[in-house]
N, C-alpha and C. Protein backbone atom coordinates (compact mmCIF):
# COMPACT_ATOMS: atom_id res chain seq x y z
N UNK A 1 -64.44 -37.49 112.38
CA UNK A 1 -62.88 -37.61 112.51
C UNK A 1 -62.27 -36.60 111.90
N UNK A 2 -60.89 -36.64 112.50
CA UNK A 2 -59.73 -35.43 112.30
C UNK A 2 -59.09 -35.24 110.93
N UNK A 3 -59.44 -34.05 109.74
CA UNK A 3 -59.01 -34.47 108.74
C UNK A 3 -57.67 -34.69 108.70
N UNK A 4 -56.69 -34.98 109.56
CA UNK A 4 -55.33 -34.93 109.47
C UNK A 4 -55.14 -36.12 109.36
N UNK A 5 -56.45 -37.11 109.90
CA UNK A 5 -56.17 -38.46 110.08
C UNK A 5 -57.27 -39.27 109.70
N UNK A 6 -57.25 -39.24 108.20
CA UNK A 6 -57.95 -39.82 106.97
C UNK A 6 -58.36 -41.57 107.02
N UNK A 7 -59.61 -41.53 106.60
CA UNK A 7 -59.78 -43.46 106.87
C UNK A 7 -60.45 -43.39 105.98
N UNK A 8 -59.90 -44.80 105.08
CA UNK A 8 -60.47 -45.35 103.95
C UNK A 8 -61.62 -45.83 103.92
N UNK A 9 -62.68 -45.47 102.97
CA UNK A 9 -64.14 -46.24 102.91
C UNK A 9 -64.84 -46.48 101.80
N UNK A 10 -65.28 -47.75 101.41
CA UNK A 10 -65.94 -48.15 100.47
C UNK A 10 -66.67 -46.98 100.54
N UNK A 11 -67.43 -47.39 99.43
CA UNK A 11 -68.83 -46.08 99.09
C UNK A 11 -70.15 -46.33 99.27
N UNK A 12 -70.39 -47.23 100.26
CA UNK A 12 -71.66 -47.16 100.93
C UNK A 12 -71.53 -46.88 102.07
N UNK A 13 -70.35 -47.11 102.70
CA UNK A 13 -69.73 -46.61 104.54
C UNK A 13 -69.82 -44.91 103.68
N UNK A 14 -68.98 -44.86 102.93
CA UNK A 14 -69.16 -42.58 102.56
C UNK A 14 -70.70 -42.60 102.31
N UNK A 15 -71.37 -43.05 102.12
CA UNK A 15 -72.99 -42.73 101.93
C UNK A 15 -73.63 -42.54 103.28
N UNK A 16 -73.22 -43.27 103.74
CA UNK A 16 -73.98 -43.81 105.01
C UNK A 16 -73.40 -42.63 106.50
N UNK A 17 -71.90 -43.01 105.73
CA UNK A 17 -71.37 -41.75 107.34
C UNK A 17 -72.11 -40.23 106.87
N UNK A 18 -72.14 -39.91 105.31
CA UNK A 18 -72.57 -38.28 105.18
C UNK A 18 -74.10 -37.65 105.57
N UNK A 19 -74.88 -39.30 105.26
CA UNK A 19 -76.03 -39.17 105.49
C UNK A 19 -76.22 -38.79 107.03
N UNK A 20 -75.50 -39.29 108.15
CA UNK A 20 -74.77 -39.56 109.40
C UNK A 20 -74.53 -38.09 110.34
N UNK A 21 -73.96 -37.61 109.13
CA UNK A 21 -72.91 -36.31 109.44
C UNK A 21 -73.82 -35.11 109.13
N UNK A 22 -74.77 -34.86 107.90
CA UNK A 22 -75.43 -33.63 107.05
C UNK A 22 -76.86 -33.73 107.85
N UNK A 23 -76.77 -33.23 108.76
CA UNK A 23 -78.24 -32.80 109.51
C UNK A 23 -78.42 -31.82 109.74
N UNK A 24 -77.87 -30.79 109.99
CA UNK A 24 -77.63 -29.26 110.91
C UNK A 24 -76.79 -28.42 110.14
N UNK A 25 -77.07 -27.12 109.93
CA UNK A 25 -76.30 -26.28 109.44
C UNK A 25 -75.07 -26.45 109.84
N UNK A 26 -73.95 -26.00 109.18
CA UNK A 26 -72.94 -25.83 109.64
C UNK A 26 -72.01 -27.35 109.85
N UNK A 27 -72.72 -28.44 109.43
CA UNK A 27 -72.19 -30.16 109.79
C UNK A 27 -71.37 -29.86 108.16
N UNK A 28 -69.96 -30.79 108.54
CA UNK A 28 -69.13 -30.75 107.19
C UNK A 28 -68.84 -31.86 107.38
N UNK A 29 -68.81 -32.91 105.76
CA UNK A 29 -67.94 -34.16 105.62
C UNK A 29 -67.18 -33.54 104.45
N UNK A 30 -66.01 -34.78 104.43
CA UNK A 30 -65.01 -34.36 103.00
C UNK A 30 -64.81 -35.76 102.26
N UNK A 31 -64.20 -36.33 101.25
CA UNK A 31 -63.70 -36.95 101.06
C UNK A 31 -62.33 -36.76 100.05
N UNK A 32 -61.63 -37.66 99.81
CA UNK A 32 -59.93 -37.29 99.07
C UNK A 32 -60.20 -38.27 97.96
N UNK A 33 -59.86 -38.69 97.21
CA UNK A 33 -59.55 -39.03 95.88
C UNK A 33 -57.75 -39.68 96.52
N UNK A 34 -57.65 -40.63 95.68
CA UNK A 34 -56.25 -41.34 95.85
C UNK A 34 -55.30 -40.18 94.38
N UNK A 35 -55.39 -39.12 94.33
CA UNK A 35 -54.89 -38.06 94.27
C UNK A 35 -54.65 -37.18 95.05
N UNK A 36 -55.06 -37.06 96.11
CA UNK A 36 -55.04 -35.82 97.50
C UNK A 36 -56.39 -34.80 96.91
N UNK A 37 -56.81 -35.26 95.72
CA UNK A 37 -58.09 -34.07 95.60
C UNK A 37 -58.82 -34.11 96.79
N UNK A 38 -59.67 -33.21 96.96
CA UNK A 38 -60.96 -33.28 97.79
C UNK A 38 -62.30 -32.81 97.60
N UNK A 39 -63.35 -33.60 97.75
CA UNK A 39 -64.53 -32.95 97.80
C UNK A 39 -65.36 -32.34 98.77
N UNK A 40 -66.11 -31.84 99.46
CA UNK A 40 -66.33 -31.44 100.82
C UNK A 40 -68.06 -31.28 100.31
N UNK A 41 -68.95 -31.84 102.17
CA UNK A 41 -69.92 -31.38 101.82
C UNK A 41 -70.41 -30.18 102.85
N UNK A 42 -71.44 -29.47 102.64
CA UNK A 42 -70.80 -28.78 103.82
C UNK A 42 -73.00 -28.16 103.87
N UNK A 43 -73.53 -28.68 105.03
CA UNK A 43 -74.79 -28.03 105.24
C UNK A 43 -74.99 -26.32 105.80
N UNK A 44 -75.66 -25.74 104.69
CA UNK A 44 -75.96 -24.44 105.28
C UNK A 44 -77.18 -24.22 106.11
N UNK A 45 -77.43 -23.01 106.36
CA UNK A 45 -78.71 -22.21 106.79
C UNK A 45 -79.84 -22.53 106.77
N UNK A 46 -79.74 -22.84 104.90
CA UNK A 46 -81.25 -22.92 104.50
C UNK A 46 -81.18 -24.76 104.67
N UNK A 47 -80.38 -25.52 105.07
CA UNK A 47 -80.47 -27.01 105.05
C UNK A 47 -80.27 -27.70 104.27
N UNK A 48 -79.96 -26.78 102.71
CA UNK A 48 -79.03 -27.48 101.46
C UNK A 48 -77.68 -27.72 101.85
N UNK A 49 -77.22 -28.45 100.77
CA UNK A 49 -75.61 -28.65 100.73
C UNK A 49 -74.93 -28.11 100.15
N UNK A 50 -73.98 -27.49 100.36
CA UNK A 50 -73.56 -26.96 99.05
C UNK A 50 -72.44 -28.14 98.77
N UNK A 51 -71.84 -28.75 98.19
CA UNK A 51 -70.67 -29.57 97.57
C UNK A 51 -69.68 -28.73 96.76
N UNK A 52 -68.27 -28.99 96.91
CA UNK A 52 -67.37 -28.53 96.23
C UNK A 52 -66.34 -29.32 96.43
N UNK A 53 -65.33 -28.77 95.43
CA UNK A 53 -64.40 -29.19 95.10
C UNK A 53 -63.15 -28.10 95.38
N UNK A 54 -62.52 -27.90 96.38
CA UNK A 54 -61.63 -26.82 96.84
C UNK A 54 -60.56 -26.17 95.96
N UNK A 55 -60.05 -25.24 95.03
CA UNK A 55 -58.97 -25.06 94.76
C UNK A 55 -58.01 -23.55 95.03
N UNK A 56 -57.21 -24.28 96.13
CA UNK A 56 -56.72 -22.99 97.17
C UNK A 56 -55.73 -22.61 96.07
N UNK A 57 -54.98 -22.91 95.09
CA UNK A 57 -54.39 -22.19 94.24
C UNK A 57 -54.81 -21.14 93.40
N UNK A 58 -56.39 -21.17 93.25
CA UNK A 58 -57.17 -20.32 91.88
C UNK A 58 -57.94 -20.09 93.43
N UNK A 59 -57.33 -19.92 94.67
CA UNK A 59 -58.44 -18.60 95.76
C UNK A 59 -59.59 -19.20 95.47
N UNK A 60 -60.24 -20.62 95.27
CA UNK A 60 -61.43 -20.46 95.23
C UNK A 60 -62.13 -22.00 94.95
N UNK A 61 -63.35 -22.04 94.90
CA UNK A 61 -64.23 -23.47 94.98
C UNK A 61 -64.77 -23.33 93.98
N UNK A 62 -64.95 -25.31 92.82
CA UNK A 62 -65.90 -25.39 92.08
C UNK A 62 -66.96 -26.23 92.37
N UNK A 63 -68.40 -25.41 92.84
CA UNK A 63 -69.33 -26.35 93.07
C UNK A 63 -70.60 -25.78 92.95
N UNK A 64 -71.45 -26.41 93.60
CA UNK A 64 -73.06 -26.27 94.08
C UNK A 64 -74.03 -26.75 94.52
N UNK A 65 -75.00 -26.27 95.14
CA UNK A 65 -75.90 -26.71 96.07
C UNK A 65 -76.89 -27.84 95.30
N UNK A 66 -76.72 -28.92 96.61
CA UNK A 66 -77.73 -30.01 96.51
C UNK A 66 -78.39 -30.13 97.12
N UNK A 67 -79.91 -31.01 97.56
CA UNK A 67 -80.63 -31.33 98.48
C UNK A 67 -79.86 -32.36 99.38
N UNK A 68 -80.62 -32.18 100.42
CA UNK A 68 -79.88 -33.86 101.49
C UNK A 68 -80.07 -34.87 100.51
N UNK A 69 -81.56 -34.55 100.09
CA UNK A 69 -82.01 -36.01 99.61
C UNK A 69 -81.37 -36.30 98.03
N UNK A 70 -80.17 -35.60 97.85
CA UNK A 70 -79.59 -36.06 96.44
C UNK A 70 -77.87 -36.58 97.07
N UNK A 71 -77.83 -36.29 98.08
CA UNK A 71 -76.58 -37.10 98.69
C UNK A 71 -76.19 -38.04 98.08
N UNK A 72 -77.05 -39.04 98.86
CA UNK A 72 -76.86 -40.81 98.17
C UNK A 72 -76.51 -40.40 96.78
N UNK A 73 -77.07 -39.88 95.95
CA UNK A 73 -77.15 -40.51 94.61
C UNK A 73 -75.58 -39.70 94.16
N UNK A 74 -75.86 -38.76 94.53
CA UNK A 74 -74.25 -37.77 94.03
C UNK A 74 -73.06 -38.76 94.76
N UNK A 75 -73.37 -39.51 96.08
CA UNK A 75 -71.79 -39.67 95.81
C UNK A 75 -71.84 -41.12 95.51
N UNK A 76 -72.82 -41.89 95.16
CA UNK A 76 -73.13 -42.99 94.03
C UNK A 76 -72.14 -43.29 93.13
N UNK A 77 -72.55 -41.69 92.43
CA UNK A 77 -72.54 -41.60 90.89
C UNK A 77 -70.71 -40.66 91.17
N UNK A 78 -70.17 -40.45 91.60
CA UNK A 78 -69.05 -40.00 92.30
C UNK A 78 -67.95 -40.98 91.28
N UNK A 79 -67.64 -40.05 90.40
CA UNK A 79 -65.85 -41.50 89.81
C UNK A 79 -64.95 -41.01 91.03
N UNK A 80 -64.10 -41.64 90.70
CA UNK A 80 -62.21 -42.09 91.27
C UNK A 80 -61.66 -41.54 91.62
N UNK A 81 -61.82 -40.40 90.65
CA UNK A 81 -61.05 -39.22 90.23
C UNK A 81 -61.70 -37.66 90.95
N UNK A 82 -61.43 -37.03 91.30
CA UNK A 82 -62.91 -36.14 91.16
C UNK A 82 -62.10 -34.94 91.04
N UNK A 83 -63.14 -34.34 89.91
CA UNK A 83 -62.79 -33.23 88.71
C UNK A 83 -63.94 -32.26 88.88
N UNK A 84 -63.56 -31.34 88.30
CA UNK A 84 -65.19 -30.02 87.79
C UNK A 84 -66.32 -31.08 87.14
N UNK A 85 -65.60 -31.72 86.29
CA UNK A 85 -66.74 -32.85 86.04
C UNK A 85 -67.77 -33.81 86.78
N UNK A 86 -66.93 -33.94 88.46
CA UNK A 86 -67.40 -34.86 89.13
C UNK A 86 -68.81 -33.68 89.60
N UNK A 87 -69.22 -32.66 89.64
CA UNK A 87 -69.78 -31.36 89.97
C UNK A 87 -70.42 -30.99 88.78
N UNK A 88 -71.39 -31.72 88.00
CA UNK A 88 -72.40 -31.64 86.57
C UNK A 88 -73.12 -30.15 87.15
N UNK A 89 -72.91 -29.08 86.53
CA UNK A 89 -73.28 -27.74 86.70
C UNK A 89 -72.77 -27.04 87.59
N UNK A 90 -72.00 -27.28 88.63
CA UNK A 90 -70.80 -26.53 89.11
C UNK A 90 -70.51 -24.97 88.74
N UNK A 91 -70.28 -23.98 89.47
CA UNK A 91 -69.86 -23.29 89.33
C UNK A 91 -68.60 -22.69 90.19
N UNK A 92 -67.18 -22.52 89.38
CA UNK A 92 -66.32 -21.85 90.71
C UNK A 92 -66.79 -20.42 91.02
N UNK A 93 -66.76 -20.50 92.27
CA UNK A 93 -66.68 -19.00 93.08
C UNK A 93 -65.76 -19.05 93.95
N UNK A 94 -65.32 -17.60 93.50
CA UNK A 94 -63.75 -16.86 94.51
C UNK A 94 -63.96 -16.86 96.24
N UNK A 95 -62.96 -17.09 96.76
CA UNK A 95 -63.01 -16.81 97.84
C UNK A 95 -62.75 -15.29 98.27
């Protein structure tokens, strides 16, 4: 689905969709909280998932790598509002 046409999902549906989408390098999915903050998941060439919250005004993202096996637990534990604390042990990466 294009980002210009977001769809409301419950947490279990979000987990299911993420696990279906994040299978190969360059696969990508993102979720938006009620305040418009995005958290996105990107499958890189190594098969790891880069999870990040982009901060365009700061020209970078706050994120970290997780394994595909961690995606379900990670989404289950996401708070309703996305902040840096939503990504434990994450770090800022400039673009």
